[in-house]
Amino acid sequence: MINRINLAKQFAEKLKSEDITLIMLYGSVARRQDTPNSDIDILIVSKNADKLRSKVNELAVDVILDCGEVISPHLMTEEHFNKTKNNMFLSNVLKEGVVLG
């Protein structure tokens, strides 16, 4: 079985050269409660999320084709992140998440 945390780290590593403020693994994989049907949830905060969207989606498709695992990227601008980081979703991500970059 593939180590999904390592897969998430590899995914994040491929985005290191991009203009990214934060990459975080969250959800069942971060909590180590994943099942065979779980996806890999990753929050990506960037100054220009729209510019990054196609590259992130391409990398996510590559992961599916290479090993059958599904990465679900959640892209967000820094501005939106800072405005909403106290909402329930982001509070949980920040509390349970694993920083990847």
N, C-alpha and C. Protein backbone atom coordinates (compact mmCIF):
# COMPACT_ATOMS: atom_id res chain seq x y z
N MET A 1 0.84 -1.19 0.00
CA MET A 1 0.00 0.00 0.00
C MET A 1 0.88 1.26 0.00
N ILE A 2 0.47 2.24 -0.74
CA ILE A 2 1.22 3.49 -0.87
C ILE A 2 1.09 4.32 0.40
N ASN A 3 2.18 4.91 0.84
CA ASN A 3 2.15 5.81 1.99
C ASN A 3 1.64 7.17 1.49
N ARG A 4 0.41 7.49 1.85
CA ARG A 4 -0.22 8.71 1.35
C ARG A 4 0.43 9.98 1.89
N ILE A 5 0.96 9.93 3.09
CA ILE A 5 1.64 11.11 3.63
C ILE A 5 2.89 11.41 2.81
N ASN A 6 3.65 10.38 2.48
CA ASN A 6 4.83 10.59 1.62
C ASN A 6 4.44 11.07 0.23
N LEU A 7 3.33 10.55 -0.29
CA LEU A 7 2.84 10.98 -1.59
C LEU A 7 2.48 12.47 -1.55
N ALA A 8 1.84 12.89 -0.47
CA ALA A 8 1.49 14.31 -0.30
C ALA A 8 2.75 15.17 -0.22
N LYS A 9 3.76 14.68 0.47
CA LYS A 9 5.03 15.42 0.57
C LYS A 9 5.69 15.55 -0.80
N GLN A 10 5.65 14.49 -1.59
CA GLN A 10 6.21 14.53 -2.95
C GLN A 10 5.45 15.54 -3.82
N PHE A 11 4.13 15.54 -3.67
CA PHE A 11 3.28 16.47 -4.41
C PHE A 11 3.67 17.91 -4.05
N ALA A 12 3.81 18.17 -2.75
CA ALA A 12 4.18 19.51 -2.28
C ALA A 12 5.57 19.90 -2.78
N GLU A 13 6.47 18.96 -2.80
CA GLU A 13 7.84 19.22 -3.25
C GLU A 13 7.86 19.71 -4.70
N LYS A 14 6.97 19.18 -5.52
CA LYS A 14 6.90 19.58 -6.93
C LYS A 14 6.39 21.01 -7.10
N LEU A 15 5.77 21.55 -6.04
CA LEU A 15 5.25 22.91 -6.09
C LEU A 15 6.15 23.92 -5.39
N LYS A 16 7.27 23.46 -4.85
CA LYS A 16 8.15 24.33 -4.04
C LYS A 16 8.60 25.59 -4.77
N SER A 17 8.87 25.51 -6.04
CA SER A 17 9.38 26.67 -6.77
C SER A 17 8.30 27.70 -7.07
N GLU A 18 7.06 27.35 -6.82
CA GLU A 18 5.95 28.25 -7.11
C GLU A 18 5.78 29.27 -5.98
N ASP A 19 4.95 30.26 -6.22
CA ASP A 19 4.69 31.34 -5.27
C ASP A 19 3.65 30.89 -4.24
N ILE A 20 4.08 30.03 -3.32
CA ILE A 20 3.16 29.43 -2.36
C ILE A 20 3.53 29.85 -0.95
N THR A 21 2.51 30.23 -0.19
CA THR A 21 2.69 30.64 1.20
C THR A 21 2.61 29.46 2.14
N LEU A 22 1.69 28.53 1.85
CA LEU A 22 1.43 27.41 2.75
C LEU A 22 0.90 26.22 1.96
N ILE A 23 1.39 25.04 2.27
CA ILE A 23 0.82 23.79 1.75
C ILE A 23 0.60 22.91 2.96
N MET A 24 -0.64 22.45 3.12
CA MET A 24 -0.99 21.65 4.28
C MET A 24 -1.82 20.43 3.91
N LEU A 25 -1.43 19.30 4.45
CA LEU A 25 -2.20 18.07 4.34
C LEU A 25 -3.24 18.11 5.44
N TYR A 26 -4.49 17.78 5.12
CA TYR A 26 -5.54 17.76 6.14
C TYR A 26 -6.49 16.60 5.86
N GLY A 27 -7.46 16.43 6.71
CA GLY A 27 -8.45 15.38 6.51
C GLY A 27 -8.00 14.05 7.08
N SER A 28 -8.61 12.98 6.59
CA SER A 28 -8.39 11.65 7.16
C SER A 28 -6.94 11.19 7.06
N VAL A 29 -6.25 11.56 5.99
CA VAL A 29 -4.85 11.13 5.85
C VAL A 29 -3.99 11.82 6.91
N ALA A 30 -4.21 13.11 7.13
CA ALA A 30 -3.45 13.84 8.16
C ALA A 30 -3.74 13.28 9.55
N ARG A 31 -4.99 12.86 9.77
CA ARG A 31 -5.37 12.29 11.08
C ARG A 31 -4.99 10.82 11.20
N ARG A 32 -4.47 10.26 10.11
CA ARG A 32 -4.13 8.83 10.04
C ARG A 32 -5.37 7.95 10.28
N GLN A 33 -6.48 8.40 9.70
CA GLN A 33 -7.74 7.65 9.78
C GLN A 33 -8.24 7.31 8.38
N ASP A 34 -7.34 7.34 7.40
CA ASP A 34 -7.76 7.10 6.03
C ASP A 34 -8.11 5.63 5.79
N THR A 35 -8.98 5.45 4.84
CA THR A 35 -9.42 4.12 4.41
C THR A 35 -8.93 3.92 2.97
N PRO A 36 -9.07 2.73 2.42
CA PRO A 36 -8.64 2.53 1.02
C PRO A 36 -9.31 3.48 0.02
N ASN A 37 -10.50 4.00 0.35
CA ASN A 37 -11.21 4.90 -0.56
C ASN A 37 -10.97 6.38 -0.28
N SER A 38 -10.12 6.69 0.69
CA SER A 38 -9.87 8.10 1.04
C SER A 38 -9.07 8.82 -0.03
N ASP A 39 -9.37 10.11 -0.17
CA ASP A 39 -8.54 10.95 -1.02
C ASP A 39 -7.52 11.67 -0.14
N ILE A 40 -6.62 12.38 -0.77
CA ILE A 40 -5.56 13.10 -0.06
C ILE A 40 -5.89 14.59 -0.18
N ASP A 41 -6.35 15.18 0.92
CA ASP A 41 -6.76 16.58 0.92
C ASP A 41 -5.57 17.48 1.19
N ILE A 42 -5.35 18.45 0.30
CA ILE A 42 -4.22 19.36 0.45
C ILE A 42 -4.70 20.80 0.25
N LEU A 43 -4.42 21.64 1.25
CA LEU A 43 -4.70 23.07 1.17
C LEU A 43 -3.45 23.76 0.62
N ILE A 44 -3.65 24.60 -0.38
CA ILE A 44 -2.54 25.35 -0.98
C ILE A 44 -2.92 26.83 -0.95
N VAL A 45 -2.13 27.62 -0.23
CA VAL A 45 -2.36 29.06 -0.14
C VAL A 45 -1.27 29.77 -0.94
N SER A 46 -1.71 30.65 -1.85
CA SER A 46 -0.78 31.33 -2.74
C SER A 46 -1.24 32.75 -2.99
N LYS A 47 -0.29 33.62 -3.30
CA LYS A 47 -0.65 34.99 -3.65
C LYS A 47 -1.51 35.01 -4.90
N ASN A 48 -1.24 34.09 -5.81
CA ASN A 48 -1.98 34.03 -7.07
C ASN A 48 -2.45 32.61 -7.34
N ALA A 49 -3.51 32.21 -6.66
CA ALA A 49 -4.02 30.84 -6.77
C ALA A 49 -4.49 30.52 -8.19
N ASP A 50 -5.07 31.50 -8.88
CA ASP A 50 -5.57 31.24 -10.23
C ASP A 50 -4.44 30.87 -11.19
N LYS A 51 -3.30 31.52 -11.04
CA LYS A 51 -2.15 31.24 -11.90
C LYS A 51 -1.64 29.81 -11.68
N LEU A 52 -1.77 29.33 -10.46
CA LEU A 52 -1.26 28.00 -10.08
C LEU A 52 -2.21 26.86 -10.41
N ARG A 53 -3.49 27.18 -10.56
CA ARG A 53 -4.54 26.16 -10.65
C ARG A 53 -4.25 25.08 -11.69
N SER A 54 -3.85 25.46 -12.89
CA SER A 54 -3.65 24.44 -13.93
C SER A 54 -2.47 23.52 -13.60
N LYS A 55 -1.38 24.08 -13.05
CA LYS A 55 -0.24 23.23 -12.68
C LYS A 55 -0.63 22.26 -11.58
N VAL A 56 -1.35 22.74 -10.57
CA VAL A 56 -1.78 21.88 -9.46
C VAL A 56 -2.68 20.77 -9.97
N ASN A 57 -3.63 21.11 -10.83
CA ASN A 57 -4.53 20.10 -11.38
C ASN A 57 -3.78 19.08 -12.23
N GLU A 58 -2.81 19.54 -13.02
CA GLU A 58 -1.98 18.61 -13.82
C GLU A 58 -1.24 17.62 -12.92
N LEU A 59 -0.64 18.14 -11.85
CA LEU A 59 0.09 17.27 -10.92
C LEU A 59 -0.84 16.27 -10.26
N ALA A 60 -2.05 16.71 -9.91
CA ALA A 60 -3.02 15.81 -9.28
C ALA A 60 -3.42 14.69 -10.24
N VAL A 61 -3.61 15.03 -11.51
CA VAL A 61 -3.94 14.02 -12.52
C VAL A 61 -2.77 13.06 -12.70
N ASP A 62 -1.55 13.57 -12.69
CA ASP A 62 -0.37 12.71 -12.81
C ASP A 62 -0.32 11.67 -11.69
N VAL A 63 -0.69 12.08 -10.48
CA VAL A 63 -0.69 11.15 -9.34
C VAL A 63 -1.72 10.05 -9.56
N ILE A 64 -2.90 10.42 -10.04
CA ILE A 64 -3.94 9.42 -10.32
C ILE A 64 -3.43 8.41 -11.35
N LEU A 65 -2.83 8.93 -12.43
CA LEU A 65 -2.35 8.05 -13.50
C LEU A 65 -1.18 7.19 -13.05
N ASP A 66 -0.31 7.74 -12.22
CA ASP A 66 0.88 7.01 -11.77
C ASP A 66 0.57 5.92 -10.75
N CYS A 67 -0.31 6.23 -9.80
CA CYS A 67 -0.49 5.26 -8.71
C CYS A 67 -1.94 5.05 -8.28
N GLY A 68 -2.88 5.73 -8.93
CA GLY A 68 -4.28 5.50 -8.62
C GLY A 68 -4.79 6.24 -7.39
N GLU A 69 -3.94 7.02 -6.74
CA GLU A 69 -4.37 7.79 -5.56
C GLU A 69 -4.93 9.13 -6.00
N VAL A 70 -5.95 9.60 -5.29
CA VAL A 70 -6.61 10.86 -5.64
C VAL A 70 -6.16 11.96 -4.69
N ILE A 71 -5.58 13.00 -5.26
CA ILE A 71 -5.24 14.19 -4.49
C ILE A 71 -6.32 15.23 -4.77
N SER A 72 -6.90 15.76 -3.69
CA SER A 72 -7.92 16.80 -3.81
C SER A 72 -7.33 18.13 -3.33
N PRO A 73 -6.81 18.92 -4.27
CA PRO A 73 -6.21 20.19 -3.87
C PRO A 73 -7.28 21.26 -3.64
N HIS A 74 -7.09 22.04 -2.61
CA HIS A 74 -7.98 23.16 -2.30
C HIS A 74 -7.12 24.42 -2.37
N LEU A 75 -7.22 25.16 -3.47
CA LEU A 75 -6.41 26.36 -3.66
C LEU A 75 -7.12 27.58 -3.10
N MET A 76 -6.34 28.47 -2.52
CA MET A 76 -6.90 29.65 -1.89
C MET A 76 -5.87 30.78 -1.97
N THR A 77 -6.34 31.99 -2.22
CA THR A 77 -5.42 33.13 -2.20
C THR A 77 -5.07 33.47 -0.76
N GLU A 78 -3.93 34.14 -0.59
CA GLU A 78 -3.53 34.60 0.75
C GLU A 78 -4.60 35.49 1.34
N GLU A 79 -5.14 36.37 0.50
CA GLU A 79 -6.17 37.31 0.96
C GLU A 79 -7.39 36.57 1.50
N HIS A 80 -7.87 35.60 0.75
CA HIS A 80 -9.04 34.83 1.19
C HIS A 80 -8.71 34.02 2.45
N PHE A 81 -7.54 33.43 2.49
CA PHE A 81 -7.11 32.66 3.66
C PHE A 81 -7.10 33.55 4.90
N ASN A 82 -6.50 34.73 4.80
CA ASN A 82 -6.42 35.63 5.95
C ASN A 82 -7.79 36.13 6.41
N LYS A 83 -8.71 36.32 5.46
CA LYS A 83 -10.06 36.77 5.81
C LYS A 83 -10.89 35.67 6.46
N THR A 84 -10.61 34.41 6.08
CA THR A 84 -11.50 33.31 6.51
C THR A 84 -10.83 32.29 7.42
N LYS A 85 -9.61 32.54 7.87
CA LYS A 85 -8.89 31.51 8.63
C LYS A 85 -9.54 31.17 9.97
N ASN A 86 -10.47 31.99 10.42
CA ASN A 86 -11.17 31.69 11.67
C ASN A 86 -12.49 30.94 11.44
N ASN A 87 -12.84 30.66 10.17
CA ASN A 87 -14.07 29.90 9.96
C ASN A 87 -13.84 28.44 10.35
N MET A 88 -14.91 27.70 10.49
CA MET A 88 -14.82 26.34 11.02
C MET A 88 -13.92 25.43 10.16
N PHE A 89 -14.07 25.50 8.85
CA PHE A 89 -13.28 24.65 7.96
C PHE A 89 -11.78 24.91 8.16
N LEU A 90 -11.37 26.16 8.02
CA LEU A 90 -9.94 26.46 8.13
C LEU A 90 -9.41 26.27 9.54
N SER A 91 -10.23 26.53 10.54
CA SER A 91 -9.80 26.28 11.92
C SER A 91 -9.45 24.81 12.11
N ASN A 92 -10.29 23.93 11.56
CA ASN A 92 -10.02 22.49 11.65
C ASN A 92 -8.78 22.10 10.86
N VAL A 93 -8.63 22.66 9.66
CA VAL A 93 -7.45 22.35 8.85
C VAL A 93 -6.19 22.77 9.60
N LEU A 94 -6.18 23.96 10.16
CA LEU A 94 -5.00 24.46 10.86
C LEU A 94 -4.72 23.67 12.13
N LYS A 95 -5.78 23.16 12.76
CA LYS A 95 -5.62 22.40 14.00
C LYS A 95 -5.11 20.98 13.73
N GLU A 96 -5.68 20.32 12.74
CA GLU A 96 -5.35 18.90 12.49
C GLU A 96 -4.34 18.69 11.38
N GLY A 97 -4.07 19.73 10.62
CA GLY A 97 -3.26 19.57 9.42
C GLY A 97 -1.78 19.37 9.68
N VAL A 98 -1.11 18.91 8.63
CA VAL A 98 0.33 18.68 8.65
C VAL A 98 0.94 19.62 7.61
N VAL A 99 1.81 20.51 8.04
CA VAL A 99 2.44 21.46 7.12
C VAL A 99 3.42 20.71 6.21
N LEU A 100 3.25 20.92 4.91
CA LEU A 100 4.11 20.27 3.92
C LEU A 100 5.06 21.28 3.28
N GLY A 101 4.75 22.54 3.42
CA GLY A 101 5.60 23.56 2.82
C GLY A 101 5.07 24.93 3.06
